[in-house]
């Protein structure tokens, strides 16, 4: 019997970029994966990083109740009605509804990535359709499978009007499906590092995210090891009593 590892999962463009950097740096006690609705983003990831391209191919809204279990849907609303029937496929693919529907359609493949882990660390920006909608769908799946969910969420710059509107709407939808959430605001990023370029400031943010993830993983793995030791001791005790 082995303790289950934590999974650090980047979702959407920003999440993929951060997880790709963390994967290259290496982190003990965790596995990495990335999920996106963009093939071009997936193709530039570091070799060896587990990744999955998802899409919503049917072109019309799915009935979430037909695919998600009742346990996942209990006491919540999906965002399938976030937009009207898609008239412009390009716009539709950038909405949170599309990201959520893509998870519903590809839940079997996503389930294989989640399998064998007891802690899921989601890294995503809520300003994108994939980061917002897919994060919500995957968090639900993880909770239904008994996993702990920790989300590291990035809020867009305030000048990105549409993206910030999406993020502000999606944040309270995601919170109930997370045991803990760390919210990072891009507006604070430039205030904290006024002398750095935007790219360098983002690197600092990645360091902060990596540090938070590492501390969480260390605490998680210590608890998993303790529970495993107790399980082994209990098994030995039961065997000796027989």
Protein backbone atom coordinates (compact mmCIF):
# COMPACT_ATOMS: atom_id res chain seq x y z
CA UNK A 1 0.00 0.00 0.00
CA UNK A 2 1.32 3.45 -0.95
CA UNK A 3 0.26 6.94 0.05
CA UNK A 4 -1.60 8.74 -2.71
CA UNK A 5 0.26 11.63 -4.30
CA UNK A 6 -0.96 15.15 -4.86
CA UNK A 7 -1.76 16.31 -8.39
CA UNK A 8 -0.89 19.81 -9.56
CA UNK A 9 -3.17 20.57 -12.50
CA UNK A 10 -2.86 23.59 -14.77
CA UNK A 11 -6.12 24.48 -16.53
CA UNK A 12 -6.33 26.96 -19.40
CA UNK A 13 -3.53 29.06 -20.89
CA UNK A 14 -2.28 30.76 -17.71
CA UNK A 15 -2.52 27.56 -15.70
CA UNK A 16 -0.56 25.65 -18.34
CA UNK A 17 2.23 28.24 -18.42
CA UNK A 18 2.67 28.15 -14.65
CA UNK A 19 2.50 24.36 -14.33
CA UNK A 20 4.93 24.00 -17.23
CA UNK A 21 7.48 26.15 -15.37
CA UNK A 22 6.93 24.34 -12.06
CA UNK A 23 7.27 20.98 -13.80
CA UNK A 24 10.64 21.99 -15.27
CA UNK A 25 11.82 23.10 -11.82
CA UNK A 26 10.68 19.82 -10.27
CA UNK A 27 8.81 19.24 -7.04
CA UNK A 28 9.00 16.11 -4.88
CA UNK A 29 5.86 14.36 -3.73
CA UNK A 30 3.60 15.59 -6.51
CA UNK A 31 2.63 14.81 -10.07
CA UNK A 32 1.87 17.39 -12.74
CA UNK A 33 -0.71 17.58 -15.50
CA UNK A 34 -2.23 20.17 -17.81
CA UNK A 35 -5.63 20.44 -19.48
CA UNK A 36 -6.70 22.95 -22.12
CA UNK A 37 -9.12 23.47 -25.00
CA UNK A 38 -6.26 24.80 -27.16
CA UNK A 39 -4.13 22.29 -29.06
CA UNK A 40 -1.42 24.91 -29.69
CA UNK A 41 -0.99 25.47 -25.94
CA UNK A 42 -0.74 21.75 -25.29
CA UNK A 43 1.84 21.24 -28.04
CA UNK A 44 4.41 23.64 -26.52
CA UNK A 45 4.43 22.02 -23.07
CA UNK A 46 7.59 20.44 -21.69
CA UNK A 47 8.16 16.90 -22.89
CA UNK A 48 7.04 14.40 -20.25
CA UNK A 49 4.38 16.64 -18.72
CA UNK A 50 1.08 14.75 -18.76
CA UNK A 51 -1.46 16.75 -20.77
CA UNK A 52 -4.94 16.49 -22.21
CA UNK A 53 -6.63 18.44 -24.97
CA UNK A 54 -10.38 18.68 -24.45
CA UNK A 55 -13.08 20.11 -26.68
CA UNK A 56 -16.83 20.31 -26.93
CA UNK A 57 -17.54 18.92 -30.37
CA UNK A 58 -21.31 18.67 -30.45
CA UNK A 59 -21.91 22.37 -31.06
CA UNK A 60 -25.04 22.43 -28.88
CA UNK A 61 -25.55 22.41 -25.15
CA UNK A 62 -25.31 19.11 -23.35
CA UNK A 63 -27.60 18.13 -20.55
CA UNK A 64 -25.18 18.00 -17.59
CA UNK A 65 -27.58 15.78 -15.67
CA UNK A 66 -27.23 13.11 -18.32
CA UNK A 67 -23.47 12.86 -17.88
CA UNK A 68 -22.54 14.11 -14.42
CA UNK A 69 -23.63 11.93 -11.52
CA UNK A 70 -26.35 13.23 -9.20
CA UNK A 71 -23.71 13.42 -6.48
CA UNK A 72 -21.76 15.98 -8.49
CA UNK A 73 -24.83 18.03 -9.37
CA UNK A 74 -26.38 17.99 -5.91
CA UNK A 75 -27.25 21.44 -4.51
CA UNK A 76 -25.61 23.34 -7.34
CA UNK A 77 -26.24 24.78 -10.77
CA UNK A 78 -24.13 24.15 -13.80
CA UNK A 79 -23.30 27.08 -16.05
CA UNK A 80 -24.61 25.45 -19.20
CA UNK A 81 -27.03 28.36 -19.51
CA UNK A 82 -24.25 30.92 -19.20
CA UNK A 83 -24.75 31.94 -22.83
CA UNK A 84 -27.58 31.52 -25.33
CA UNK A 85 -27.41 28.97 -28.12
CA UNK A 86 -24.08 29.67 -29.83
CA UNK A 87 -24.37 31.76 -32.98
CA UNK A 88 -20.65 32.42 -33.26
CA UNK A 89 -18.56 29.29 -32.55
CA UNK A 90 -15.38 31.32 -32.01
CA UNK A 91 -17.02 33.42 -29.29
CA UNK A 92 -18.73 30.34 -27.81
CA UNK A 93 -15.40 28.57 -27.32
CA UNK A 94 -14.12 31.43 -25.13
CA UNK A 95 -16.99 31.26 -22.63
CA UNK A 96 -16.97 29.41 -19.28
CA UNK A 97 -19.95 27.40 -20.52
CA UNK A 98 -17.78 25.92 -23.27
CA UNK A 99 -15.06 24.99 -20.76
CA UNK A 100 -17.59 23.29 -18.52
CA UNK A 101 -19.22 21.43 -21.40
CA UNK A 102 -15.80 20.26 -22.61
CA UNK A 103 -15.20 18.72 -19.17
CA UNK A 104 -18.58 17.00 -19.26
CA UNK A 105 -17.85 15.54 -22.68
CA UNK A 106 -14.31 14.44 -21.74
CA UNK A 107 -14.92 13.40 -18.15
CA UNK A 108 -13.72 9.82 -18.68
CA UNK A 109 -10.26 10.95 -19.87
CA UNK A 110 -10.08 13.56 -17.09
CA UNK A 111 -11.05 10.92 -14.55
CA UNK A 112 -8.00 8.87 -15.55
CA UNK A 113 -5.75 11.85 -14.79
CA UNK A 114 -7.37 12.40 -11.38
CA UNK A 115 -7.31 8.69 -10.47
CA UNK A 116 -4.88 7.67 -7.74
CA UNK A 117 -4.59 11.12 -6.17
CA UNK A 118 -6.12 12.33 -2.93
CA UNK A 119 -5.28 16.03 -3.32
CA UNK A 120 -5.91 18.18 -6.39
CA UNK A 121 -4.21 21.55 -6.71
CA UNK A 122 -5.85 23.55 -9.50
CA UNK A 123 -3.91 26.45 -11.01
CA UNK A 124 -5.94 28.64 -13.35
CA UNK A 125 -6.96 32.13 -14.36
CA UNK A 126 -10.69 32.72 -14.05
CA UNK A 127 -10.66 35.24 -16.88
CA UNK A 128 -10.63 32.63 -19.63
CA UNK A 129 -13.40 30.28 -20.69
CA UNK A 130 -11.28 27.21 -20.07
CA UNK A 131 -9.70 28.39 -16.84
CA UNK A 132 -13.10 29.37 -15.43
CA UNK A 133 -15.50 26.76 -16.78
CA UNK A 134 -13.20 23.73 -16.89
CA UNK A 135 -11.89 24.43 -13.38
CA UNK A 136 -15.44 24.37 -12.06
CA UNK A 137 -16.25 21.08 -13.80
CA UNK A 138 -13.01 19.40 -12.73
CA UNK A 139 -13.33 20.58 -9.12
CA UNK A 140 -16.77 18.96 -9.02
CA UNK A 141 -15.38 15.70 -10.39
CA UNK A 142 -12.57 15.70 -7.84
CA UNK A 143 -14.94 16.27 -4.91
CA UNK A 144 -17.24 13.52 -6.15
CA UNK A 145 -14.22 11.19 -6.12
CA UNK A 146 -13.40 12.06 -2.51
CA UNK A 147 -10.41 14.26 -3.27
CA UNK A 148 -9.39 17.40 -1.42
CA UNK A 149 -9.35 20.41 -3.73
CA UNK A 150 -7.06 23.39 -3.35
CA UNK A 151 -7.36 26.12 -5.99
CA UNK A 152 -4.76 28.75 -6.77
CA UNK A 153 -6.73 31.30 -8.76
CA UNK A 154 -5.45 34.28 -10.74
CA UNK A 155 -7.73 37.28 -11.23
CA UNK A 156 -7.23 39.33 -14.44
CA UNK A 157 -6.13 42.95 -14.68
CA UNK A 158 -9.00 45.39 -14.09
CA UNK A 159 -8.47 46.90 -17.56
CA UNK A 160 -9.45 43.52 -19.06
CA UNK A 161 -13.12 44.38 -18.67
CA UNK A 162 -14.74 41.27 -20.10
CA UNK A 163 -12.25 38.91 -18.44
CA UNK A 164 -12.69 40.50 -15.02
CA UNK A 165 -16.47 40.30 -15.36
CA UNK A 166 -16.18 36.58 -16.09
CA UNK A 167 -13.78 36.07 -13.18
CA UNK A 168 -15.95 37.97 -10.69
CA UNK A 169 -18.95 35.88 -11.74
CA UNK A 170 -17.13 32.55 -11.63
CA UNK A 171 -15.23 32.95 -8.36
CA UNK A 172 -18.26 32.43 -6.08
CA UNK A 173 -19.37 29.49 -8.27
CA UNK A 174 -16.02 27.73 -7.80
CA UNK A 175 -15.53 28.40 -4.07
CA UNK A 176 -18.06 25.82 -2.78
CA UNK A 177 -16.14 23.07 -4.59
CA UNK A 178 -12.78 23.92 -3.02
CA UNK A 179 -11.57 23.04 0.47
CA UNK A 180 -9.17 25.98 0.29
CA UNK A 181 -8.57 28.74 -2.22
CA UNK A 182 -5.71 31.18 -2.76
CA UNK A 183 -6.69 34.16 -4.94
CA UNK A 184 -3.93 36.18 -6.60
CA UNK A 185 -4.80 39.53 -8.18
CA UNK A 186 -2.79 40.61 -11.22
CA UNK A 187 -3.43 44.24 -10.29
CA UNK A 188 -1.47 43.73 -7.06
CA UNK A 189 1.31 42.05 -9.01
CA UNK A 190 2.53 45.25 -10.65
CA UNK A 191 2.13 47.20 -7.40
CA UNK A 192 4.34 44.70 -5.59
CA UNK A 193 7.02 44.71 -8.31
CA UNK A 194 6.96 48.20 -9.86
CA UNK A 195 10.55 48.01 -11.10
CA UNK A 196 10.10 44.73 -12.97
CA UNK A 197 8.83 44.03 -16.45
CA UNK A 198 5.45 42.30 -16.70
CA UNK A 199 7.19 39.06 -17.66
CA UNK A 200 9.55 39.25 -14.68
CA UNK A 201 6.63 40.06 -12.38
CA UNK A 202 4.79 36.98 -13.65
CA UNK A 203 7.90 34.91 -12.86
CA UNK A 204 7.72 36.20 -9.29
CA UNK A 205 4.07 35.18 -9.17
CA UNK A 206 5.00 31.70 -10.38
CA UNK A 207 7.57 31.46 -7.57
CA UNK A 208 4.88 32.41 -5.05
CA UNK A 209 2.50 29.81 -6.45
CA UNK A 210 5.22 27.16 -6.40
CA UNK A 211 6.04 27.95 -2.78
CA UNK A 212 2.38 27.70 -1.73
CA UNK A 213 1.95 24.42 -3.60
CA UNK A 214 5.11 22.96 -2.07
CA UNK A 215 4.01 23.76 1.51
CA UNK A 216 0.59 22.28 0.88
CA UNK A 217 2.05 19.11 -0.65
CA UNK A 218 4.49 18.62 2.23
CA UNK A 219 1.65 18.91 4.76
CA UNK A 220 -0.55 16.59 2.69
CA UNK A 221 2.14 13.95 2.23
CA UNK A 222 3.03 13.99 5.94
CA UNK A 223 -0.61 13.34 6.80
CA UNK A 224 -0.91 10.63 4.14
CA UNK A 225 2.20 8.91 5.52
CA UNK A 226 0.83 9.08 9.06
CA UNK A 227 -2.50 7.60 8.01
CA UNK A 228 -0.72 4.88 6.05
CA UNK A 229 1.45 3.97 9.07
CA UNK A 230 -1.62 3.72 11.27
CA UNK A 231 -3.38 1.59 8.69
CA UNK A 232 -0.43 -0.80 8.56
CA UNK A 233 -0.26 -0.96 12.36
CA UNK A 234 -3.99 -1.67 12.59
CA UNK A 235 -3.64 -4.43 9.99
CA UNK A 236 -0.78 -6.01 11.96
CA UNK A 237 -2.84 -5.83 15.13
CA UNK A 238 -5.81 -7.48 13.45
CA UNK A 239 -3.61 -10.26 12.02
CA UNK A 240 -2.04 -10.97 15.43
CA UNK A 241 -5.49 -11.25 17.04
CA UNK A 242 -6.63 -13.91 14.59
